[in-house]
Amino acid sequence: MADTPKIKLTNVHKAFGANQVLRGVNLEVGAGESVVVIGGSGTGKSVMLKCILGLLEPDAGSIQIDGQEVVGMSAGDREALMHKFGMLFQGAALFDSLSVIDNVAFGLLRAGKVPRDEAYRIADQKLRQVGLGPDVGKLWPSELSGGMKKRVGLARAIATEPEIIFFDEPTTGLDPIMGDVINDLIVECTRDLGASALSITHDMASARKIAHRIAMLYKGEIIWAGPVAEVDRSGNDYVEQFIHGRAEGPIQMELKA
């Protein structure tokens, strides 16, 4: 069905021993929609993402991709599902032992669906799409700046033209100008692909730029969700404190001595 969410989480729980990280997360991402989940460190954003990707198994609840239940899915079915996904990792997570062009072509070659020459042609095209020339493809990850690594990671994420792209703190470690460049590229690339996007970040400038909707995760629950234009009038004290970076408010920071 056209209105079936690309991603749907229903009452998702995850604990590590006595530490209850996710406490009934409910979230949807529609086709072609960009949803950004905001929240401080330790609120469960990364755990939620890992549950969707199948890196962690929820203790309870449902996770559906295109209406298909993925909790408890077999390894073979999970492998087929992964071809729908692209991922930009927080630190770009490039393979140090591979050149830039090999990093970008990796997913295409691993899937084995295109000839080697075609995989490299596509990889070169994706590098150009993120503003990197063919000379960069010959470099090694150790020769790249932080901003260039993010661009290469984005090129790799979109190389297989995925239906869903995950962005894990896409602007972390970048200066504000390069962060804005990456945000613009994310908007452009997801729009051109018609892909759905789910991002996690604590960077409100990034969230405002790339999101259609914003959801806030606090203590393992989505406490507010709505269109990006409404985040400044959420009426939620926790959201207000977070988006304005105020020390005073209902969110209690646990400071270690």
Protein backbone atom coordinates (compact mmCIF):
# COMPACT_ATOMS: atom_id res chain seq x y z
CA MET A 1 0.00 0.00 0.00
CA ALA A 2 1.17 3.52 -0.82
CA ASP A 3 0.59 4.72 2.73
CA THR A 4 2.53 1.89 4.38
CA PRO A 5 5.42 3.46 6.35
CA LYS A 6 8.91 2.62 5.19
CA ILE A 7 9.86 2.20 8.85
CA LYS A 8 7.49 1.60 11.76
CA LEU A 9 8.47 1.02 15.37
CA THR A 10 5.76 -0.03 17.81
CA ASN A 11 6.38 -0.24 21.56
CA VAL A 12 10.05 -1.18 21.14
CA HIS A 13 11.90 -2.05 24.35
CA LYS A 14 15.57 -2.82 24.89
CA ALA A 15 17.48 -3.32 28.13
CA PHE A 16 21.03 -4.24 29.04
CA GLY A 17 20.76 -5.94 32.38
CA ALA A 18 19.04 -3.53 34.75
CA ASN A 19 19.59 -0.60 32.37
CA GLN A 20 16.33 -0.07 30.48
CA VAL A 21 17.44 1.93 27.43
CA LEU A 22 14.33 1.85 25.21
CA ARG A 23 11.02 2.02 27.04
CA GLY A 24 8.38 1.61 24.36
CA VAL A 25 9.51 3.60 21.32
CA ASN A 26 6.85 4.40 18.72
CA LEU A 27 8.00 6.02 15.49
CA GLU A 28 7.13 6.06 11.78
CA VAL A 29 9.04 7.20 8.69
CA GLY A 30 6.99 7.58 5.53
CA ALA A 31 8.05 7.06 1.91
CA GLY A 32 10.32 9.89 0.81
CA GLU A 33 10.24 11.41 4.29
CA SER A 34 13.19 12.59 6.35
CA VAL A 35 12.76 12.09 10.09
CA VAL A 36 15.37 13.28 12.56
CA VAL A 37 15.47 11.91 16.11
CA ILE A 38 17.06 14.37 18.53
CA GLY A 39 18.13 13.84 22.10
CA GLY A 40 21.12 14.02 24.39
CA SER A 41 23.84 11.42 24.84
CA GLY A 42 22.64 8.22 26.48
CA THR A 43 18.97 8.69 25.59
CA GLY A 44 18.83 5.58 23.39
CA LYS A 45 19.21 7.03 19.86
CA SER A 46 22.03 4.71 18.79
CA VAL A 47 20.39 1.66 20.40
CA MET A 48 17.18 2.41 18.49
CA LEU A 49 19.11 2.64 15.22
CA LYS A 50 20.94 -0.62 15.92
CA CYS A 51 17.62 -2.36 16.59
CA ILE A 52 16.26 -1.21 13.22
CA LEU A 53 19.43 -2.35 11.45
CA GLY A 54 19.28 -5.74 13.17
CA LEU A 55 22.54 -5.25 15.05
CA LEU A 56 20.56 -5.59 18.28
CA GLU A 57 17.41 -7.61 18.95
CA PRO A 58 14.67 -5.75 20.84
CA ASP A 59 13.35 -7.36 24.02
CA ALA A 60 9.79 -6.53 23.00
CA GLY A 61 7.87 -4.63 20.37
CA SER A 62 7.62 -4.58 16.59
CA ILE A 63 9.86 -3.13 13.87
CA GLN A 64 8.49 -3.17 10.34
CA ILE A 65 10.19 -2.23 7.08
CA ASP A 66 7.69 -1.69 4.24
CA GLY A 67 5.11 -3.49 6.35
CA GLN A 68 7.34 -6.55 6.89
CA GLU A 69 8.13 -7.57 10.46
CA VAL A 70 11.91 -7.74 10.94
CA VAL A 71 12.16 -8.65 14.64
CA GLY A 72 13.12 -12.30 14.71
CA MET A 73 13.81 -12.36 10.96
CA SER A 74 16.16 -15.06 9.69
CA ALA A 75 19.72 -14.16 8.69
CA GLY A 76 18.98 -14.85 5.03
CA ASP A 77 15.92 -12.63 4.95
CA ARG A 78 17.79 -9.95 6.88
CA GLU A 79 20.59 -10.02 4.28
CA ALA A 80 18.07 -9.43 1.48
CA LEU A 81 16.51 -6.58 3.46
CA MET A 82 19.86 -4.85 3.95
CA HIS A 83 20.02 -4.10 0.22
CA LYS A 84 17.31 -1.47 0.82
CA PHE A 85 19.55 0.40 3.25
CA GLY A 86 22.32 2.94 2.98
CA MET A 87 24.23 4.23 5.99
CA LEU A 88 26.39 7.23 6.79
CA PHE A 89 28.23 6.39 10.00
CA GLN A 90 29.20 8.94 12.62
CA GLY A 91 32.92 8.74 11.86
CA ALA A 92 32.35 7.87 8.17
CA ALA A 93 33.76 4.37 9.01
CA LEU A 94 35.76 4.07 5.82
CA PHE A 95 37.88 0.96 5.27
CA ASP A 96 41.47 2.10 5.86
CA SER A 97 42.86 -0.68 3.67
CA LEU A 98 40.80 0.37 0.63
CA SER A 99 41.21 3.40 -1.59
CA VAL A 100 38.43 5.98 -1.70
CA ILE A 101 37.01 4.64 -4.97
CA ASP A 102 37.05 1.08 -3.59
CA ASN A 103 35.25 2.27 -0.46
CA VAL A 104 32.47 3.84 -2.52
CA ALA A 105 32.20 0.84 -4.84
CA PHE A 106 32.26 -1.67 -1.96
CA GLY A 107 28.50 -2.19 -1.64
CA LEU A 108 28.03 -2.52 -5.39
CA LEU A 109 30.82 -5.09 -5.69
CA ARG A 110 29.66 -7.01 -2.62
CA ALA A 111 26.14 -7.31 -4.02
CA GLY A 112 27.57 -8.61 -7.28
CA LYS A 113 24.74 -7.11 -9.31
CA VAL A 114 26.88 -4.96 -11.60
CA PRO A 115 30.17 -5.64 -13.44
CA ARG A 116 33.32 -4.32 -11.82
CA ASP A 117 33.85 -1.57 -14.41
CA GLU A 118 30.25 -0.41 -13.96
CA ALA A 119 30.66 -0.36 -10.16
CA TYR A 120 33.64 1.96 -10.48
CA ARG A 121 31.82 4.17 -12.97
CA ILE A 122 28.94 4.54 -10.54
CA ALA A 123 31.34 5.17 -7.65
CA ASP A 124 33.04 7.93 -9.63
CA GLN A 125 29.65 9.45 -10.42
CA LYS A 126 28.63 9.42 -6.74
CA LEU A 127 31.91 11.07 -5.73
CA ARG A 128 31.20 13.84 -8.23
CA GLN A 129 27.68 14.12 -6.81
CA VAL A 130 29.12 14.98 -3.40
CA GLY A 131 31.60 17.44 -4.89
CA LEU A 132 34.73 15.27 -5.11
CA GLY A 133 36.73 14.90 -8.31
CA PRO A 134 38.18 11.68 -9.77
CA ASP A 135 41.60 12.45 -8.27
CA VAL A 136 40.12 11.92 -4.79
CA GLY A 137 39.19 8.35 -5.71
CA LYS A 138 42.88 7.44 -5.82
CA LEU A 139 43.53 8.63 -2.28
CA TRP A 140 43.45 6.62 0.95
CA PRO A 141 41.15 7.47 3.86
CA SER A 142 44.16 8.56 5.94
CA GLU A 143 44.81 11.32 3.39
CA LEU A 144 41.33 12.87 3.76
CA SER A 145 40.11 15.67 6.00
CA GLY A 146 37.11 15.10 8.25
CA GLY A 147 34.78 16.83 5.80
CA MET A 148 36.09 14.82 2.87
CA LYS A 149 35.64 11.58 4.82
CA LYS A 150 31.99 12.51 5.44
CA ARG A 151 31.51 13.19 1.73
CA VAL A 152 33.06 9.85 0.79
CA GLY A 153 30.88 8.15 3.39
CA LEU A 154 27.82 9.81 1.88
CA ALA A 155 28.87 8.77 -1.63
CA ARG A 156 29.19 5.18 -0.39
CA ALA A 157 25.78 5.39 1.33
CA ILE A 158 24.01 6.42 -1.88
CA ALA A 159 26.04 4.31 -4.34
CA THR A 160 23.56 1.43 -4.34
CA GLU A 161 20.63 3.87 -4.63
CA PRO A 162 18.99 2.64 -1.42
CA GLU A 163 15.34 3.15 -0.52
CA ILE A 164 16.20 4.05 3.10
CA ILE A 165 19.27 5.94 4.33
CA PHE A 166 20.37 6.15 7.95
CA PHE A 167 22.47 9.08 9.16
CA ASP A 168 24.28 8.67 12.48
CA GLU A 169 25.32 12.10 13.81
CA PRO A 170 26.21 13.27 10.28
CA THR A 171 27.84 16.58 11.32
CA THR A 172 29.75 15.46 14.43
CA GLY A 173 33.37 16.62 14.36
CA LEU A 174 32.83 19.15 11.58
CA ASP A 175 33.07 22.91 11.73
CA PRO A 176 29.76 24.77 11.23
CA ILE A 177 30.45 25.60 7.56
CA MET A 178 31.42 22.06 6.56
CA GLY A 179 28.50 20.77 8.64
CA ASP A 180 26.15 22.92 6.57
CA VAL A 181 27.74 21.64 3.37
CA ILE A 182 27.09 18.05 4.48
CA ASN A 183 23.50 18.95 5.43
CA ASP A 184 22.91 20.41 1.96
CA LEU A 185 24.35 17.29 0.34
CA ILE A 186 22.13 15.05 2.48
CA VAL A 187 19.03 17.00 1.43
CA GLU A 188 20.06 16.94 -2.23
CA CYS A 189 21.03 13.28 -2.36
CA THR A 190 17.96 11.95 -0.55
CA ARG A 191 15.68 14.12 -2.70
CA ASP A 192 17.32 12.94 -5.93
CA LEU A 193 16.98 9.30 -4.84
CA GLY A 194 13.45 9.74 -3.48
CA ALA A 195 14.76 7.87 -0.44
CA SER A 196 13.38 7.86 3.08
CA ALA A 197 15.85 9.04 5.71
CA LEU A 198 16.16 8.44 9.43
CA SER A 199 18.81 10.47 11.22
CA ILE A 200 19.93 10.69 14.83
CA THR A 201 21.66 13.83 16.06
CA HIS A 202 22.01 16.34 18.85
CA ASP A 203 22.87 19.09 16.32
CA MET A 204 19.77 21.26 15.99
CA ALA A 205 21.14 23.20 13.01
CA SER A 206 21.46 19.89 11.17
CA ALA A 207 18.04 18.68 12.32
CA ARG A 208 16.34 21.87 11.12
CA LYS A 209 18.05 21.61 7.73
CA ILE A 210 17.48 17.96 6.82
CA ALA A 211 14.21 17.02 8.58
CA HIS A 212 10.63 17.00 7.45
CA ARG A 213 9.69 15.84 10.94
CA ILE A 214 11.55 15.88 14.24
CA ALA A 215 11.05 13.47 17.13
CA MET A 216 12.68 13.81 20.53
CA LEU A 217 13.85 10.73 22.42
CA TYR A 218 14.22 11.14 26.18
CA LYS A 219 14.87 8.34 28.65
CA GLY A 220 14.00 5.73 26.03
CA GLU A 221 10.68 7.21 24.88
CA ILE A 222 9.57 9.54 22.10
CA ILE A 223 8.23 12.46 24.12
CA TRP A 224 7.35 14.73 21.17
CA ALA A 225 7.13 14.46 17.39
CA GLY A 226 5.98 16.89 14.77
CA PRO A 227 6.86 18.86 11.61
CA VAL A 228 10.18 20.69 11.75
CA ALA A 229 8.35 24.03 11.47
CA GLU A 230 6.60 23.30 14.77
CA VAL A 231 9.60 22.38 16.91
CA ASP A 232 9.96 25.94 18.19
CA ARG A 233 6.37 25.92 19.43
CA SER A 234 6.22 22.35 20.68
CA GLY A 235 4.81 23.34 24.07
CA ASN A 236 7.03 20.63 25.55
CA ASP A 237 9.40 21.85 28.28
CA TYR A 238 11.93 19.10 27.57
CA VAL A 239 12.04 19.93 23.85
CA GLU A 240 12.31 23.63 24.62
CA GLN A 241 15.26 23.10 26.93
CA PHE A 242 17.06 20.82 24.47
CA ILE A 243 16.66 22.86 21.28
CA HIS A 244 17.80 26.04 23.02
CA GLY A 245 20.65 24.33 24.92
CA ARG A 246 19.62 25.61 28.31
CA ALA A 247 21.30 24.31 31.45
CA GLU A 248 18.19 25.00 33.49
CA GLY A 249 15.07 22.95 32.87
CA PRO A 250 13.40 19.59 33.45
CA ILE A 251 16.21 17.56 31.89
CA GLN A 252 18.50 16.64 34.75
CA MET A 253 22.11 16.27 33.70
CA GLU A 254 24.01 13.61 35.61
CA LEU A 255 27.46 15.03 36.13
CA LYS A 256 30.26 12.77 37.28
CA ALA A 257 32.51 14.13 39.94
